[in-house]
Amino acid sequence: MRLAVAFVSGVVFGLGLILSQMVNPAKILGFLDLSGPWDPTLAVVFLGALAVAVPGMRLVLRRGKPVFGERFALPARGAVDGPLIAGSVVFGIGWGLAGFCPGPAITALVSGEGRVILFVAAMVAGMAAYRIVDRWRTGATDG
């Protein structure tokens, strides 16, 4: 049942990305390019997502635990540190150059476009490189 719910949630998320045109790099770049013909429609998508997510999270967190888990997996609040800033900068540069972020890029893989495949391959390579460097930096040996 848990796998079925995860699958349906992924399909709904992907359809939302397609309907909102988050899988269209031109739409994203039109929003990020303030010096050209700015396209504000992505801001409407963000506001719509917040309008659903904020009350939804408040409602869900009233429960003692998730439906398919023992506890909620929420991030611990932490200080803004170097790795967070570096990751944000790398994400922003990649988003601005390619017009993709991870979720929409994975959704757009079904298009079979070379630039999407290249972006996802670079994203996976970047994640692998981070794991290698982080293990080396921390001296971790486990997976």
C-alpha atoms as a PDB file:
ATOM      1  CA  MET A   1       0.000   0.000   0.000  1.00  0.00           C
ATOM      2  CA  ARG A   2       2.831   2.361   0.898  1.00  0.00           C
ATOM      3  CA  LEU A   3       4.446   1.854  -2.511  1.00  0.00           C
ATOM      4  CA  ALA A   4       1.126   2.491  -4.284  1.00  0.00           C
ATOM      5  CA  VAL A   5       0.617   5.751  -2.377  1.00  0.00           C
ATOM      6  CA  ALA A   6       4.180   6.820  -3.208  1.00  0.00           C
ATOM      7  CA  PHE A   7       3.616   6.019  -6.886  1.00  0.00           C
ATOM      8  CA  VAL A   8       0.322   7.934  -7.062  1.00  0.00           C
ATOM      9  CA  SER A   9       1.891  10.872  -5.216  1.00  0.00           C
ATOM     10  CA  GLY A  10       4.752  10.917  -7.724  1.00  0.00           C
ATOM     11  CA  VAL A  11       2.371  10.826 -10.667  1.00  0.00           C
ATOM     12  CA  VAL A  12       0.292  13.686  -9.229  1.00  0.00           C
ATOM     13  CA  PHE A  13       3.476  15.684  -8.539  1.00  0.00           C
ATOM     14  CA  GLY A  14       4.724  15.073 -12.090  1.00  0.00           C
ATOM     15  CA  LEU A  15       1.385  16.067 -13.601  1.00  0.00           C
ATOM     16  CA  GLY A  16       1.446  19.242 -11.517  1.00  0.00           C
ATOM     17  CA  LEU A  17       4.928  20.043 -12.820  1.00  0.00           C
ATOM     18  CA  ILE A  18       3.754  19.488 -16.389  1.00  0.00           C
ATOM     19  CA  LEU A  19       0.551  21.533 -16.006  1.00  0.00           C
ATOM     20  CA  SER A  20       2.417  24.415 -14.357  1.00  0.00           C
ATOM     21  CA  GLN A  21       5.070  24.237 -17.123  1.00  0.00           C
ATOM     22  CA  MET A  22       7.877  23.767 -14.588  1.00  0.00           C
ATOM     23  CA  VAL A  23       9.332  21.216 -17.044  1.00  0.00           C
ATOM     24  CA  ASN A  24       9.683  23.933 -19.692  1.00  0.00           C
ATOM     25  CA  PRO A  25      13.123  25.567 -19.370  1.00  0.00           C
ATOM     26  CA  ALA A  26      11.989  28.570 -21.446  1.00  0.00           C
ATOM     27  CA  LYS A  27       9.256  29.290 -18.883  1.00  0.00           C
ATOM     28  CA  ILE A  28      11.727  29.082 -15.997  1.00  0.00           C
ATOM     29  CA  LEU A  29      14.361  31.184 -17.737  1.00  0.00           C
ATOM     30  CA  GLY A  30      11.690  33.752 -18.654  1.00  0.00           C
ATOM     31  CA  PHE A  31      10.956  34.119 -14.949  1.00  0.00           C
ATOM     32  CA  LEU A  32      14.615  34.284 -13.911  1.00  0.00           C
ATOM     33  CA  ASP A  33      15.646  36.753 -16.646  1.00  0.00           C
ATOM     34  CA  LEU A  34      14.785  40.129 -15.150  1.00  0.00           C
ATOM     35  CA  SER A  35      16.580  42.038 -17.899  1.00  0.00           C
ATOM     36  CA  GLY A  36      14.529  40.562 -20.760  1.00  0.00           C
ATOM     37  CA  PRO A  37      10.810  39.991 -21.281  1.00  0.00           C
ATOM     38  CA  TRP A  38      10.040  38.883 -17.716  1.00  0.00           C
ATOM     39  CA  ASP A  39       7.413  36.140 -17.327  1.00  0.00           C
ATOM     40  CA  PRO A  40       5.795  36.362 -13.850  1.00  0.00           C
ATOM     41  CA  THR A  41       3.637  33.240 -14.218  1.00  0.00           C
ATOM     42  CA  LEU A  42       6.080  31.099 -12.231  1.00  0.00           C
ATOM     43  CA  ALA A  43       5.474  33.371  -9.226  1.00  0.00           C
ATOM     44  CA  VAL A  44       1.780  32.435  -9.459  1.00  0.00           C
ATOM     45  CA  VAL A  45       2.782  28.744  -9.403  1.00  0.00           C
ATOM     46  CA  PHE A  46       4.932  29.346  -6.305  1.00  0.00           C
ATOM     47  CA  LEU A  47       2.144  31.242  -4.542  1.00  0.00           C
ATOM     48  CA  GLY A  48      -0.359  28.508  -5.410  1.00  0.00           C
ATOM     49  CA  ALA A  49       1.997  25.864  -4.033  1.00  0.00           C
ATOM     50  CA  LEU A  50       2.430  27.828  -0.810  1.00  0.00           C
ATOM     51  CA  ALA A  51      -1.320  28.343  -0.499  1.00  0.00           C
ATOM     52  CA  VAL A  52      -1.767  24.558  -0.503  1.00  0.00           C
ATOM     53  CA  ALA A  53       1.395  23.489   1.343  1.00  0.00           C
ATOM     54  CA  VAL A  54       1.311  25.804   4.361  1.00  0.00           C
ATOM     55  CA  PRO A  55      -2.178  24.930   5.604  1.00  0.00           C
ATOM     56  CA  GLY A  56      -1.656  21.321   4.506  1.00  0.00           C
ATOM     57  CA  MET A  57       1.503  20.961   6.597  1.00  0.00           C
ATOM     58  CA  ARG A  58      -0.196  22.523   9.617  1.00  0.00           C
ATOM     59  CA  LEU A  59      -3.071  20.078   9.264  1.00  0.00           C
ATOM     60  CA  VAL A  60      -0.844  17.030   8.752  1.00  0.00           C
ATOM     61  CA  LEU A  61       1.462  17.884  11.666  1.00  0.00           C
ATOM     62  CA  ARG A  62      -1.528  17.850  14.037  1.00  0.00           C
ATOM     63  CA  ARG A  63      -1.481  14.089  13.678  1.00  0.00           C
ATOM     64  CA  GLY A  64       0.677  12.187  16.134  1.00  0.00           C
ATOM     65  CA  LYS A  65       2.534  10.397  13.366  1.00  0.00           C
ATOM     66  CA  PRO A  66       2.364   9.914   9.609  1.00  0.00           C
ATOM     67  CA  VAL A  67      -0.031   7.357   8.138  1.00  0.00           C
ATOM     68  CA  PHE A  68       2.802   5.194   6.737  1.00  0.00           C
ATOM     69  CA  GLY A  69       5.562   5.843   9.247  1.00  0.00           C
ATOM     70  CA  GLU A  70       6.535   5.910  12.888  1.00  0.00           C
ATOM     71  CA  ARG A  71       7.486   9.587  12.990  1.00  0.00           C
ATOM     72  CA  PHE A  72       7.649  12.645  10.777  1.00  0.00           C
ATOM     73  CA  ALA A  73      11.016  13.163   9.064  1.00  0.00           C
ATOM     74  CA  LEU A  74      11.391  16.905   9.457  1.00  0.00           C
ATOM     75  CA  PRO A  75      14.674  18.760   9.082  1.00  0.00           C
ATOM     76  CA  ALA A  76      16.241  20.057  12.263  1.00  0.00           C
ATOM     77  CA  ARG A  77      16.498  23.787  12.333  1.00  0.00           C
ATOM     78  CA  GLY A  78      20.115  24.747  11.998  1.00  0.00           C
ATOM     79  CA  ALA A  79      22.260  27.716  11.384  1.00  0.00           C
ATOM     80  CA  VAL A  80      22.937  28.962   7.891  1.00  0.00           C
ATOM     81  CA  ASP A  81      26.376  27.550   7.198  1.00  0.00           C
ATOM     82  CA  GLY A  82      28.887  27.317   4.361  1.00  0.00           C
ATOM     83  CA  PRO A  83      27.609  24.067   2.832  1.00  0.00           C
ATOM     84  CA  LEU A  84      24.040  25.401   2.777  1.00  0.00           C
ATOM     85  CA  ILE A  85      25.138  28.620   1.080  1.00  0.00           C
ATOM     86  CA  ALA A  86      27.380  26.762  -1.391  1.00  0.00           C
ATOM     87  CA  GLY A  87      24.594  24.317  -2.238  1.00  0.00           C
ATOM     88  CA  SER A  88      22.139  27.167  -2.733  1.00  0.00           C
ATOM     89  CA  VAL A  89      24.541  28.965  -5.047  1.00  0.00           C
ATOM     90  CA  VAL A  90      25.215  25.825  -7.103  1.00  0.00           C
ATOM     91  CA  PHE A  91      21.472  25.098  -7.307  1.00  0.00           C
ATOM     92  CA  GLY A  92      20.716  28.676  -8.397  1.00  0.00           C
ATOM     93  CA  ILE A  93      23.439  28.698 -11.031  1.00  0.00           C
ATOM     94  CA  GLY A  94      22.284  25.354 -12.430  1.00  0.00           C
ATOM     95  CA  TRP A  95      18.644  26.455 -12.424  1.00  0.00           C
ATOM     96  CA  GLY A  96      19.523  29.729 -14.133  1.00  0.00           C
ATOM     97  CA  LEU A  97      21.743  28.141 -16.774  1.00  0.00           C
ATOM     98  CA  ALA A  98      19.643  25.096 -17.613  1.00  0.00           C
ATOM     99  CA  GLY A  99      16.124  26.095 -16.589  1.00  0.00           C
ATOM    100  CA  PHE A 100      15.712  22.805 -14.702  1.00  0.00           C
ATOM    101  CA  CYS A 101      15.715  21.780 -11.085  1.00  0.00           C
ATOM    102  CA  PRO A 102      15.730  18.126  -9.966  1.00  0.00           C
ATOM    103  CA  GLY A 103      11.996  17.266  -9.852  1.00  0.00           C
ATOM    104  CA  PRO A 104      11.056  18.836 -13.179  1.00  0.00           C
ATOM    105  CA  ALA A 105      14.190  17.444 -14.831  1.00  0.00           C
ATOM    106  CA  ILE A 106      13.346  13.889 -13.774  1.00  0.00           C
ATOM    107  CA  THR A 107       9.760  14.429 -14.930  1.00  0.00           C
ATOM    108  CA  ALA A 108      11.020  15.782 -18.274  1.00  0.00           C
ATOM    109  CA  LEU A 109      13.137  12.661 -18.869  1.00  0.00           C
ATOM    110  CA  VAL A 110      10.138  11.084 -20.588  1.00  0.00           C
ATOM    111  CA  SER A 111      10.577  13.651 -23.371  1.00  0.00           C
ATOM    112  CA  GLY A 112      13.837  11.940 -24.337  1.00  0.00           C
ATOM    113  CA  GLU A 113      15.433  15.324 -25.124  1.00  0.00           C
ATOM    114  CA  GLY A 114      19.218  15.284 -25.090  1.00  0.00           C
ATOM    115  CA  ARG A 115      19.537  18.381 -22.909  1.00  0.00           C
ATOM    116  CA  VAL A 116      17.278  16.841 -20.265  1.00  0.00           C
ATOM    117  CA  ILE A 117      19.255  13.591 -20.261  1.00  0.00           C
ATOM    118  CA  LEU A 118      22.505  15.573 -20.051  1.00  0.00           C
ATOM    119  CA  PHE A 119      21.177  17.676 -17.162  1.00  0.00           C
ATOM    120  CA  VAL A 120      20.028  14.627 -15.184  1.00  0.00           C
ATOM    121  CA  ALA A 121      23.344  12.848 -15.852  1.00  0.00           C
ATOM    122  CA  ALA A 122      25.245  15.926 -14.631  1.00  0.00           C
ATOM    123  CA  MET A 123      22.959  16.130 -11.586  1.00  0.00           C
ATOM    124  CA  VAL A 124      23.602  12.468 -10.698  1.00  0.00           C
ATOM    125  CA  ALA A 125      27.353  12.946 -11.246  1.00  0.00           C
ATOM    126  CA  GLY A 126      27.276  15.996  -8.969  1.00  0.00           C
ATOM    127  CA  MET A 127      25.477  14.042  -6.237  1.00  0.00           C
ATOM    128  CA  ALA A 128      28.008  11.227  -6.524  1.00  0.00           C
ATOM    129  CA  ALA A 129      30.905  13.680  -6.407  1.00  0.00           C
ATOM    130  CA  TYR A 130      29.430  15.283  -3.302  1.00  0.00           C
ATOM    131  CA  ARG A 131      29.161  11.887  -1.570  1.00  0.00           C
ATOM    132  CA  ILE A 132      32.765  11.066  -2.420  1.00  0.00           C
ATOM    133  CA  VAL A 133      34.088  14.431  -1.237  1.00  0.00           C
ATOM    134  CA  ASP A 134      31.928  14.382   1.901  1.00  0.00           C
ATOM    135  CA  ARG A 135      33.129  10.879   2.817  1.00  0.00           C
ATOM    136  CA  TRP A 136      36.732  11.942   2.237  1.00  0.00           C
ATOM    137  CA  ARG A 137      36.224  15.134   4.267  1.00  0.00           C
ATOM    138  CA  THR A 138      34.556  13.417   7.231  1.00  0.00           C
ATOM    139  CA  GLY A 139      36.551  10.187   7.059  1.00  0.00           C
ATOM    140  CA  ALA A 140      33.349   8.144   6.824  1.00  0.00           C
ATOM    141  CA  THR A 141      33.700   4.606   5.506  1.00  0.00           C
ATOM    142  CA  ASP A 142      30.120   3.340   5.675  1.00  0.00           C
ATOM    143  CA  GLY A 143      27.432   3.715   2.997  1.00  0.00           C
END
